[in-house]
Structure formats: C-alpha cells, structure tokens
Amino acid sequence: MARRRLPVPARKKRRKNQFHFQTSPEPNRIFGVDLTAIPGIGALTAHTLLAEIGPDLSRFANVADFASWLALCPANKKSGGKVLSSKTRQTNSRASCALRIAA
C-alpha cells in the first residue's frame, strides 16, 4: 500500500521592502506605547516616526505645536476678518508624509 504524503506548507515570498526581523517590539520598547494599536499605523509607520522624530517628544509644548511642526494643520491667512487662504504648508518631512498615508 502506498503511503500518503502530507501537503507541504507554502512559504510566503518576502516582499521587496519587507523587514527581515520582527518589527513591532522595538518601537514599543522605545516609545513605551504600542503605536500599531492605532488604526492605520503599521510597523513601518511606527519605525518612520521613530527615525524622524525620535523618542523624546518633550521639545513640543503641546499637541498643536507638534501638528504645526509636521505641517498637518492649515495656515489660515486672514485680512480684515476674511479668510484669504487655509491651505496646509508644503513640507518634505517623512514623518508628516507617513502620517498622511496612514490617515
């Protein structure tokens, strides 16, 4: 009687820019908070924020200063009480780009 072979589990092919190591524990250890628990923020976004901003956020007085530094809030130009423009500033920040993509 012939023996029946068990199916071999298929190996997942690694993507081009995929990490070679477990990504979630390191930002959790450095920030002290699990950023990947926030909807839309993955391991790559957490690593980008860590690399661009760093673990110390005390240089920002409040959340509004942090959002302004990332150029995520609109810069309202007013004259005589009339809003002339409310566009967001142009920026080359990788952190703000990562957060815009995560949103």
PDB file of N, CA and C in Angstrom:
ATOM      1  N   MET A   1       0.830  -1.152   0.000  1.00  0.00           N
ATOM      2  CA  MET A   1       0.000   0.000   0.000  1.00  0.00           C
ATOM      3  C   MET A   1       0.897   1.245   0.000  1.00  0.00           C
ATOM      4  N   ALA A   2       0.556   2.224  -0.856  1.00  0.00           N
ATOM      5  CA  ALA A   2       1.370   3.440  -0.980  1.00  0.00           C
ATOM      6  C   ALA A   2       1.076   4.392   0.168  1.00  0.00           C
ATOM      7  N   ARG A   3       2.150   5.011   0.638  1.00  0.00           N
ATOM      8  CA  ARG A   3       1.974   5.978   1.715  1.00  0.00           C
ATOM      9  C   ARG A   3       1.463   7.307   1.155  1.00  0.00           C
ATOM     10  N   ARG A   4       0.640   7.920   1.930  1.00  0.00           N
ATOM     11  CA  ARG A   4       0.081   9.190   1.511  1.00  0.00           C
ATOM     12  C   ARG A   4       0.968  10.326   2.031  1.00  0.00           C
ATOM     13  N   ARG A   5       1.355  11.242   1.160  1.00  0.00           N
ATOM     14  CA  ARG A   5       2.220  12.353   1.547  1.00  0.00           C
ATOM     15  C   ARG A   5       1.382  13.505   2.113  1.00  0.00           C
ATOM     16  N   LEU A   6       1.913  14.103   3.156  1.00  0.00           N
ATOM     17  CA  LEU A   6       1.266  15.271   3.727  1.00  0.00           C
ATOM     18  C   LEU A   6       1.595  16.494   2.881  1.00  0.00           C
ATOM     19  N   PRO A   7       0.642  17.430   2.767  1.00  0.00           N
ATOM     20  CA  PRO A   7       0.929  18.625   1.971  1.00  0.00           C
ATOM     21  C   PRO A   7       2.000  19.483   2.656  1.00  0.00           C
ATOM     22  N   VAL A   8       2.884  19.996   1.848  1.00  0.00           N
ATOM     23  CA  VAL A   8       3.965  20.854   2.342  1.00  0.00           C
ATOM     24  C   VAL A   8       3.422  22.272   2.456  1.00  0.00           C
ATOM     25  N   PRO A   9       3.579  22.919   3.632  1.00  0.00           N
ATOM     26  CA  PRO A   9       3.074  24.290   3.753  1.00  0.00           C
ATOM     27  C   PRO A   9       3.824  25.224   2.811  1.00  0.00           C
ATOM     28  N   ALA A  10       3.063  26.074   2.137  1.00  0.00           N
ATOM     29  CA  ALA A  10       3.658  27.008   1.170  1.00  0.00           C
ATOM     30  C   ALA A  10       4.398  28.114   1.908  1.00  0.00           C
ATOM     31  N   ARG A  11       5.595  28.427   1.446  1.00  0.00           N
ATOM     32  CA  ARG A  11       6.372  29.518   2.039  1.00  0.00           C
ATOM     33  C   ARG A  11       5.893  30.828   1.435  1.00  0.00           C
ATOM     34  N   LYS A  12       5.714  31.791   2.299  1.00  0.00           N
ATOM     35  CA  LYS A  12       5.324  33.102   1.806  1.00  0.00           C
ATOM     36  C   LYS A  12       6.557  33.797   1.256  1.00  0.00           C
ATOM     37  N   LYS A  13       6.412  34.348   0.074  1.00  0.00           N
ATOM     38  CA  LYS A  13       7.523  35.053  -0.542  1.00  0.00           C
ATOM     39  C   LYS A  13       7.661  36.430   0.094  1.00  0.00           C
ATOM     40  N   ARG A  14       8.884  36.776   0.465  1.00  0.00           N
ATOM     41  CA  ARG A  14       9.158  38.064   1.085  1.00  0.00           C
ATOM     42  C   ARG A  14       9.034  39.163   0.044  1.00  0.00           C
ATOM     43  N   ARG A  15       8.368  40.234   0.439  1.00  0.00           N
ATOM     44  CA  ARG A  15       8.224  41.373  -0.460  1.00  0.00           C
ATOM     45  C   ARG A  15       9.527  42.149  -0.535  1.00  0.00           C
ATOM     46  N   LYS A  16       9.613  43.022  -1.514  1.00  0.00           N
ATOM     47  CA  LYS A  16      10.854  43.745  -1.788  1.00  0.00           C
ATOM     48  C   LYS A  16      11.325  44.580  -0.591  1.00  0.00           C
ATOM     49  N   ASN A  17      10.424  45.352   0.010  1.00  0.00           N
ATOM     50  CA  ASN A  17      10.807  46.262   1.085  1.00  0.00           C
ATOM     51  C   ASN A  17      10.397  45.759   2.460  1.00  0.00           C
ATOM     52  N   GLN A  18      10.134  44.497   2.581  1.00  0.00           N
ATOM     53  CA  GLN A  18       9.685  43.942   3.850  1.00  0.00           C
ATOM     54  C   GLN A  18      10.864  43.745   4.801  1.00  0.00           C
ATOM     55  N   PHE A  19      10.614  43.983   6.101  1.00  0.00           N
ATOM     56  CA  PHE A  19      11.656  43.803   7.100  1.00  0.00           C
ATOM     57  C   PHE A  19      12.035  42.333   7.226  1.00  0.00           C
ATOM     58  N   HIS A  20      13.277  42.060   7.623  1.00  0.00           N
ATOM     59  CA  HIS A  20      13.771  40.702   7.820  1.00  0.00           C
ATOM     60  C   HIS A  20      13.653  40.269   9.277  1.00  0.00           C
ATOM     61  N   PHE A  21      13.085  41.095  10.136  1.00  0.00           N
ATOM     62  CA  PHE A  21      13.027  40.806  11.559  1.00  0.00           C
ATOM     63  C   PHE A  21      11.654  41.191  12.088  1.00  0.00           C
ATOM     64  N   GLN A  22      11.377  40.803  13.334  1.00  0.00           N
ATOM     65  CA  GLN A  22      10.119  41.147  13.985  1.00  0.00           C
ATOM     66  C   GLN A  22      10.103  42.644  14.250  1.00  0.00           C
ATOM     67  N   THR A  23       9.112  43.355  13.720  1.00  0.00           N
ATOM     68  CA  THR A  23       9.144  44.815  13.736  1.00  0.00           C
ATOM     69  C   THR A  23       8.435  45.464  14.907  1.00  0.00           C
ATOM     70  N   SER A  24       7.467  44.826  15.494  1.00  0.00           N
ATOM     71  CA  SER A  24       6.650  45.512  16.496  1.00  0.00           C
ATOM     72  C   SER A  24       7.308  45.718  17.855  1.00  0.00           C
ATOM     73  N   PRO A  25       8.173  44.840  18.384  1.00  0.00           N
ATOM     74  CA  PRO A  25       8.668  45.058  19.746  1.00  0.00           C
ATOM     75  C   PRO A  25       9.577  46.284  19.919  1.00  0.00           C
ATOM     76  N   GLU A  26      10.345  46.647  18.921  1.00  0.00           N
ATOM     77  CA  GLU A  26      11.329  47.725  19.096  1.00  0.00           C
ATOM     78  C   GLU A  26      10.685  49.101  19.295  1.00  0.00           C
ATOM     79  N   PRO A  27       9.756  49.546  18.437  1.00  0.00           N
ATOM     80  CA  PRO A  27       9.117  50.849  18.723  1.00  0.00           C
ATOM     81  C   PRO A  27       8.328  50.834  20.034  1.00  0.00           C
ATOM     82  N   ASN A  28       7.740  49.687  20.378  1.00  0.00           N
ATOM     83  CA  ASN A  28       7.009  49.597  21.647  1.00  0.00           C
ATOM     84  C   ASN A  28       7.955  49.810  22.820  1.00  0.00           C
ATOM     85  N   ARG A  29       9.144  49.245  22.737  1.00  0.00           N
ATOM     86  CA  ARG A  29      10.112  49.370  23.825  1.00  0.00           C
ATOM     87  C   ARG A  29      10.609  50.806  23.934  1.00  0.00           C
ATOM     88  N   ILE A  30      10.882  51.455  22.806  1.00  0.00           N
ATOM     89  CA  ILE A  30      11.460  52.793  22.824  1.00  0.00           C
ATOM     90  C   ILE A  30      10.418  53.855  23.192  1.00  0.00           C
ATOM     91  N   PHE A  31       9.234  53.808  22.551  1.00  0.00           N
ATOM     92  CA  PHE A  31       8.193  54.793  22.838  1.00  0.00           C
ATOM     93  C   PHE A  31       7.488  54.505  24.152  1.00  0.00           C
ATOM     94  N   GLY A  32       7.424  53.243  24.543  1.00  0.00           N
ATOM     95  CA  GLY A  32       6.698  52.874  25.752  1.00  0.00           C
ATOM     96  C   GLY A  32       5.212  52.691  25.505  1.00  0.00           C
ATOM     97  N   VAL A  33       4.782  52.827  24.251  1.00  0.00           N
ATOM     98  CA  VAL A  33       3.379  52.709  23.869  1.00  0.00           C
ATOM     99  C   VAL A  33       3.312  51.914  22.573  1.00  0.00           C
ATOM    100  N   ASP A  34       2.259  51.122  22.415  1.00  0.00           N
ATOM    101  CA  ASP A  34       2.080  50.354  21.184  1.00  0.00           C
ATOM    102  C   ASP A  34       1.411  51.241  20.140  1.00  0.00           C
ATOM    103  N   LEU A  35       2.194  51.825  19.237  1.00  0.00           N
ATOM    104  CA  LEU A  35       1.644  52.705  18.203  1.00  0.00           C
ATOM    105  C   LEU A  35       0.845  51.938  17.159  1.00  0.00           C
ATOM    106  N   THR A  36       1.133  50.655  16.993  1.00  0.00           N
ATOM    107  CA  THR A  36       0.417  49.868  15.989  1.00  0.00           C
ATOM    108  C   THR A  36      -1.014  49.570  16.417  1.00  0.00           C
ATOM    109  N   ALA A  37      -1.376  49.877  17.662  1.00  0.00           N
ATOM    110  CA  ALA A  37      -2.757  49.713  18.111  1.00  0.00           C
ATOM    111  C   ALA A  37      -3.656  50.816  17.538  1.00  0.00           C
ATOM    112  N   ILE A  38      -3.063  51.900  17.065  1.00  0.00           N
ATOM    113  CA  ILE A  38      -3.823  52.986  16.434  1.00  0.00           C
ATOM    114  C   ILE A  38      -4.205  52.543  15.034  1.00  0.00           C
ATOM    115  N   PRO A  39      -5.490  52.649  14.663  1.00  0.00           N
ATOM    116  CA  PRO A  39      -5.903  52.233  13.316  1.00  0.00           C
ATOM    117  C   PRO A  39      -5.165  53.020  12.232  1.00  0.00           C
ATOM    118  N   GLY A  40      -4.604  52.313  11.273  1.00  0.00           N
ATOM    119  CA  GLY A  40      -3.904  52.938  10.153  1.00  0.00           C
ATOM    120  C   GLY A  40      -2.399  52.994  10.323  1.00  0.00           C
ATOM    121  N   ILE A  41      -1.904  52.870  11.541  1.00  0.00           N
ATOM    122  CA  ILE A  41      -0.465  52.933  11.773  1.00  0.00           C
ATOM    123  C   ILE A  41       0.072  51.520  11.905  1.00  0.00           C
ATOM    124  N   GLY A  42       0.947  51.172  10.983  1.00  0.00           N
ATOM    125  CA  GLY A  42       1.567  49.856  10.994  1.00  0.00           C
ATOM    126  C   GLY A  42       2.992  49.937  11.518  1.00  0.00           C
ATOM    127  N   ALA A  43       3.687  48.831  11.394  1.00  0.00           N
ATOM    128  CA  ALA A  43       5.056  48.766  11.906  1.00  0.00           C
ATOM    129  C   ALA A  43       5.984  49.709  11.137  1.00  0.00           C
ATOM    130  N   LEU A  44       5.816  49.797   9.829  1.00  0.00           N
ATOM    131  CA  LEU A  44       6.671  50.674   9.028  1.00  0.00           C
ATOM    132  C   LEU A  44       6.447  52.141   9.385  1.00  0.00           C
ATOM    133  N   THR A  45       5.198  52.550   9.607  1.00  0.00           N
ATOM    134  CA  THR A  45       4.901  53.917  10.003  1.00  0.00           C
ATOM    135  C   THR A  45       5.486  54.222  11.374  1.00  0.00           C
ATOM    136  N   ALA A  46       5.394  53.262  12.292  1.00  0.00           N
ATOM    137  CA  ALA A  46       5.961  53.449  13.636  1.00  0.00           C
ATOM    138  C   ALA A  46       7.473  53.612  13.566  1.00  0.00           C
ATOM    139  N   HIS A  47       8.141  52.818  12.723  1.00  0.00           N
ATOM    140  CA  HIS A  47       9.588  52.942  12.561  1.00  0.00           C
ATOM    141  C   HIS A  47       9.954  54.277  11.908  1.00  0.00           C
ATOM    142  N   THR A  48       9.139  54.742  10.966  1.00  0.00           N
ATOM    143  CA  THR A  48       9.391  56.032  10.328  1.00  0.00           C
ATOM    144  C   THR A  48       9.282  57.167  11.344  1.00  0.00           C
ATOM    145  N   LEU A  49       8.261  57.115  12.185  1.00  0.00           N
ATOM    146  CA  LEU A  49       8.102  58.143  13.212  1.00  0.00           C
ATOM    147  C   LEU A  49       9.259  58.116  14.199  1.00  0.00           C
ATOM    148  N   LEU A  50       9.696  56.931  14.545  1.00  0.00           N
ATOM    149  CA  LEU A  50      10.830  56.804  15.463  1.00  0.00           C
ATOM    150  C   LEU A  50      12.095  57.377  14.850  1.00  0.00           C
ATOM    151  N   ALA A  51      12.321  57.104  13.575  1.00  0.00           N
ATOM    152  CA  ALA A  51      13.532  57.574  12.915  1.00  0.00           C
ATOM    153  C   ALA A  51      13.516  59.089  12.699  1.00  0.00           C
ATOM    154  N   GLU A  52      12.356  59.650  12.357  1.00  0.00           N
ATOM    155  CA  GLU A  52      12.293  61.068  12.027  1.00  0.00           C
ATOM    156  C   GLU A  52      12.122  61.969  13.246  1.00  0.00           C
ATOM    157  N   ILE A  53      11.326  61.537  14.225  1.00  0.00           N
ATOM    158  CA  ILE A  53      11.026  62.387  15.369  1.00  0.00           C
ATOM    159  C   ILE A  53      11.879  62.028  16.574  1.00  0.00           C
ATOM    160  N   GLY A  54      12.093  60.751  16.783  1.00  0.00           N
ATOM    161  CA  GLY A  54      12.838  60.299  17.943  1.00  0.00           C
ATOM    162  C   GLY A  54      11.908  59.992  19.100  1.00  0.00           C
ATOM    163  N   PRO A  55      12.450  59.417  20.147  1.00  0.00           N
ATOM    164  CA  PRO A  55      11.595  59.016  21.265  1.00  0.00           C
ATOM    165  C   PRO A  55      11.209  60.161  22.199  1.00  0.00           C
ATOM    166  N   ASP A  56      11.926  61.287  22.148  1.00  0.00           N
ATOM    167  CA  ASP A  56      11.677  62.378  23.073  1.00  0.00           C
ATOM    168  C   ASP A  56      10.774  63.430  22.437  1.00  0.00           C
ATOM    169  N   LEU A  57       9.527  63.485  22.861  1.00  0.00           N
ATOM    170  CA  LEU A  57       8.578  64.468  22.333  1.00  0.00           C
ATOM    171  C   LEU A  57       8.428  65.670  23.263  1.00  0.00           C
ATOM    172  N   SER A  58       9.289  65.790  24.258  1.00  0.00           N
ATOM    173  CA  SER A  58       9.173  66.883  25.212  1.00  0.00           C
ATOM    174  C   SER A  58       9.556  68.237  24.602  1.00  0.00           C
ATOM    175  N   ARG A  59      10.170  68.247  23.436  1.00  0.00           N
ATOM    176  CA  ARG A  59      10.527  69.525  22.813  1.00  0.00           C
ATOM    177  C   ARG A  59       9.294  70.252  22.278  1.00  0.00           C
ATOM    178  N   PHE A  60       8.162  69.535  22.167  1.00  0.00           N
ATOM    179  CA  PHE A  60       6.912  70.145  21.741  1.00  0.00           C
ATOM    180  C   PHE A  60       6.090  70.451  22.990  1.00  0.00           C
ATOM    181  N   ALA A  61       5.648  71.699  23.118  1.00  0.00           N
ATOM    182  CA  ALA A  61       4.910  72.114  24.318  1.00  0.00           C
ATOM    183  C   ALA A  61       3.552  71.438  24.408  1.00  0.00           C
ATOM    184  N   ASN A  62       2.891  71.263  23.256  1.00  0.00           N
ATOM    185  CA  ASN A  62       1.575  70.637  23.249  1.00  0.00           C
ATOM    186  C   ASN A  62       1.325  69.979  21.894  1.00  0.00           C
ATOM    187  N   VAL A  63       0.141  69.417  21.732  1.00  0.00           N
ATOM    188  CA  VAL A  63      -0.205  68.703  20.503  1.00  0.00           C
ATOM    189  C   VAL A  63      -0.280  69.655  19.318  1.00  0.00           C
ATOM    190  N   ALA A  64      -0.749  70.870  19.544  1.00  0.00           N
ATOM    191  CA  ALA A  64      -0.863  71.846  18.464  1.00  0.00           C
ATOM    192  C   ALA A  64       0.509  72.203  17.895  1.00  0.00           C
ATOM    193  N   ASP A  65       1.502  72.342  18.750  1.00  0.00           N
ATOM    194  CA  ASP A  65       2.862  72.624  18.276  1.00  0.00           C
ATOM    195  C   ASP A  65       3.409  71.468  17.440  1.00  0.00           C
ATOM    196  N   PHE A  66       3.121  70.247  17.876  1.00  0.00           N
ATOM    197  CA  PHE A  66       3.578  69.064  17.143  1.00  0.00           C
ATOM    198  C   PHE A  66       2.917  68.993  15.770  1.00  0.00           C
ATOM    199  N   ALA A  67       1.602  69.242  15.700  1.00  0.00           N
ATOM    200  CA  ALA A  67       0.885  69.218  14.417  1.00  0.00           C
ATOM    201  C   ALA A  67       1.361  70.335  13.504  1.00  0.00           C
ATOM    202  N   SER A  68       1.679  71.491  14.077  1.00  0.00           N
ATOM    203  CA  SER A  68       2.186  72.600  13.282  1.00  0.00           C
ATOM    204  C   SER A  68       3.579  72.295  12.736  1.00  0.00           C
ATOM    205  N   TRP A  69       4.425  71.655  13.554  1.00  0.00           N
ATOM    206  CA  TRP A  69       5.772  71.297  13.111  1.00  0.00           C
ATOM    207  C   TRP A  69       5.715  70.286  11.964  1.00  0.00           C
ATOM    208  N   LEU A  70       4.729  69.385  12.004  1.00  0.00           N
ATOM    209  CA  LEU A  70       4.562  68.413  10.926  1.00  0.00           C
ATOM    210  C   LEU A  70       3.872  69.013   9.701  1.00  0.00           C
ATOM    211  N   ALA A  71       3.392  70.240   9.794  1.00  0.00           N
ATOM    212  CA  ALA A  71       2.653  70.933   8.728  1.00  0.00           C
ATOM    213  C   ALA A  71       1.380  70.170   8.388  1.00  0.00           C
ATOM    214  N   LEU A  72       0.675  69.693   9.416  1.00  0.00           N
ATOM    215  CA  LEU A  72      -0.583  68.990   9.221  1.00  0.00           C
ATOM    216  C   LEU A  72      -1.780  69.904   9.442  1.00  0.00           C
ATOM    217  N   CYS A  73      -1.564  71.050  10.088  1.00  0.00           N
ATOM    218  CA  CYS A  73      -2.669  71.972  10.348  1.00  0.00           C
ATOM    219  C   CYS A  73      -2.646  73.092   9.308  1.00  0.00           C
ATOM    220  N   PRO A  74      -3.813  73.632   8.979  1.00  0.00           N
ATOM    221  CA  PRO A  74      -3.846  74.692   7.967  1.00  0.00           C
ATOM    222  C   PRO A  74      -3.263  76.000   8.485  1.00  0.00           C
ATOM    223  N   ALA A  75      -2.632  76.732   7.584  1.00  0.00           N
ATOM    224  CA  ALA A  75      -2.100  78.056   7.905  1.00  0.00           C
ATOM    225  C   ALA A  75      -3.121  79.067   7.402  1.00  0.00           C
ATOM    226  N   ASN A  76      -3.951  79.564   8.315  1.00  0.00           N
ATOM    227  CA  ASN A  76      -5.014  80.499   7.933  1.00  0.00           C
ATOM    228  C   ASN A  76      -4.435  81.876   7.697  1.00  0.00           C
ATOM    229  N   LYS A  77      -4.651  82.382   6.514  1.00  0.00           N
ATOM    230  CA  LYS A  77      -4.254  83.749   6.187  1.00  0.00           C
ATOM    231  C   LYS A  77      -5.523  84.591   6.192  1.00  0.00           C
ATOM    232  N   LYS A  78      -5.576  85.553   7.116  1.00  0.00           N
ATOM    233  CA  LYS A  78      -6.758  86.395   7.254  1.00  0.00           C
ATOM    234  C   LYS A  78      -6.379  87.851   7.040  1.00  0.00           C
ATOM    235  N   SER A  79      -7.322  88.588   6.504  1.00  0.00           N
ATOM    236  CA  SER A  79      -7.160  90.027   6.346  1.00  0.00           C
ATOM    237  C   SER A  79      -8.522  90.668   6.550  1.00  0.00           C
ATOM    238  N   GLY A  80      -8.623  91.472   7.588  1.00  0.00           N
ATOM    239  CA  GLY A  80      -9.888  92.142   7.877  1.00  0.00           C
ATOM    240  C   GLY A  80     -10.980  91.173   8.291  1.00  0.00           C
ATOM    241  N   GLY A  81     -10.612  90.051   8.904  1.00  0.00           N
ATOM    242  CA  GLY A  81     -11.595  89.064   9.340  1.00  0.00           C
ATOM    243  C   GLY A  81     -12.003  88.088   8.248  1.00  0.00           C
ATOM    244  N   LYS A  82     -11.533  88.325   7.028  1.00  0.00           N
ATOM    245  CA  LYS A  82     -11.879  87.441   5.915  1.00  0.00           C
ATOM    246  C   LYS A  82     -10.754  86.436   5.704  1.00  0.00           C
ATOM    247  N   VAL A  83     -11.098  85.151   5.563  1.00  0.00           N
ATOM    248  CA  VAL A  83     -10.104  84.109   5.333  1.00  0.00           C
ATOM    249  C   VAL A  83      -9.700  84.145   3.864  1.00  0.00           C
ATOM    250  N   LEU A  84      -8.424  84.451   3.620  1.00  0.00           N
ATOM    251  CA  LEU A  84      -7.918  84.509   2.248  1.00  0.00           C
ATOM    252  C   LEU A  84      -7.462  83.136   1.776  1.00  0.00           C
ATOM    253  N   SER A  85      -6.865  82.368   2.670  1.00  0.00           N
ATOM    254  CA  SER A  85      -6.358  81.050   2.308  1.00  0.00           C
ATOM    255  C   SER A  85      -6.274  80.192   3.562  1.00  0.00           C
ATOM    256  N   SER A  86      -6.556  78.912   3.417  1.00  0.00           N
ATOM    257  CA  SER A  86      -6.432  77.993   4.557  1.00  0.00           C
ATOM    258  C   SER A  86      -5.772  76.696   4.120  1.00  0.00           C
ATOM    259  N   LYS A  87      -4.782  76.800   3.275  1.00  0.00           N
ATOM    260  CA  LYS A  87      -4.050  75.625   2.804  1.00  0.00           C
ATOM    261  C   LYS A  87      -3.036  75.183   3.844  1.00  0.00           C
ATOM    262  N   THR A  88      -2.653  73.919   3.770  1.00  0.00           N
ATOM    263  CA  THR A  88      -1.560  73.449   4.614  1.00  0.00           C
ATOM    264  C   THR A  88      -0.242  73.769   3.932  1.00  0.00           C
ATOM    265  N   ARG A  89       0.787  73.986   4.748  1.00  0.00           N
ATOM    266  CA  ARG A  89       2.098  74.330   4.200  1.00  0.00           C
ATOM    267  C   ARG A  89       2.712  73.137   3.475  1.00  0.00           C
ATOM    268  N   GLN A  90       3.583  73.429   2.521  1.00  0.00           N
ATOM    269  CA  GLN A  90       4.360  72.393   1.853  1.00  0.00           C
ATOM    270  C   GLN A  90       5.452  71.911   2.792  1.00  0.00           C
ATOM    271  N   THR A  91       5.723  70.615   2.789  1.00  0.00           N
ATOM    272  CA  THR A  91       6.764  70.068   3.644  1.00  0.00           C
ATOM    273  C   THR A  91       7.401  68.859   2.983  1.00  0.00           C
ATOM    274  N   ASN A  92       8.638  68.615   3.339  1.00  0.00           N
ATOM    275  CA  ASN A  92       9.350  67.436   2.862  1.00  0.00           C
ATOM    276  C   ASN A  92       9.575  66.442   3.992  1.00  0.00           C
ATOM    277  N   SER A  93       8.869  66.618   5.088  1.00  0.00           N
ATOM    278  CA  SER A  93       9.042  65.767   6.252  1.00  0.00           C
ATOM    279  C   SER A  93       8.521  64.361   5.981  1.00  0.00           C
ATOM    280  N   ARG A  94       9.375  63.368   6.224  1.00  0.00           N
ATOM    281  CA  ARG A  94       8.947  61.978   6.033  1.00  0.00           C
ATOM    282  C   ARG A  94       7.909  61.579   7.068  1.00  0.00           C
ATOM    283  N   ALA A  95       7.995  62.172   8.261  1.00  0.00           N
ATOM    284  CA  ALA A  95       7.040  61.856   9.317  1.00  0.00           C
ATOM    285  C   ALA A  95       5.636  62.330   8.944  1.00  0.00           C
ATOM    286  N   SER A  96       5.519  63.547   8.422  1.00  0.00           N
ATOM    287  CA  SER A  96       4.193  64.040   8.037  1.00  0.00           C
ATOM    288  C   SER A  96       3.651  63.258   6.846  1.00  0.00           C
ATOM    289  N   CYS A  97       4.512  62.874   5.929  1.00  0.00           N
ATOM    290  CA  CYS A  97       4.087  62.050   4.793  1.00  0.00           C
ATOM    291  C   CYS A  97       3.582  60.692   5.268  1.00  0.00           C
ATOM    292  N   ALA A  98       4.276  60.084   6.215  1.00  0.00           N
ATOM    293  CA  ALA A  98       3.857  58.789   6.744  1.00  0.00           C
ATOM    294  C   ALA A  98       2.515  58.895   7.457  1.00  0.00           C
ATOM    295  N   LEU A  99       2.305  59.968   8.211  1.00  0.00           N
ATOM    296  CA  LEU A  99       1.033  60.138   8.898  1.00  0.00           C
ATOM    297  C   LEU A  99      -0.106  60.441   7.943  1.00  0.00           C
ATOM    298  N   ARG A 100       0.180  61.169   6.861  1.00  0.00           N
ATOM    299  CA  ARG A 100      -0.862  61.421   5.850  1.00  0.00           C
ATOM    300  C   ARG A 100      -1.264  60.122   5.158  1.00  0.00           C
ATOM    301  N   ILE A 101      -0.312  59.280   4.850  1.00  0.00           N
ATOM    302  CA  ILE A 101      -0.611  57.989   4.219  1.00  0.00           C
ATOM    303  C   ILE A 101      -1.369  57.073   5.187  1.00  0.00           C
ATOM    304  N   ALA A 102      -1.002  57.120   6.463  1.00  0.00           N
ATOM    305  CA  ALA A 102      -1.682  56.302   7.464  1.00  0.00           C
ATOM    306  C   ALA A 102      -3.124  56.729   7.658  1.00  0.00           C
ATOM    307  N   ALA A 103      -3.400  58.016   7.451  1.00  0.00           N
ATOM    308  CA  ALA A 103      -4.776  58.507   7.612  1.00  0.00           C
ATOM    309  C   ALA A 103      -5.624  57.998   6.484  1.00  0.00           C
TER     310      ALA A 103
END
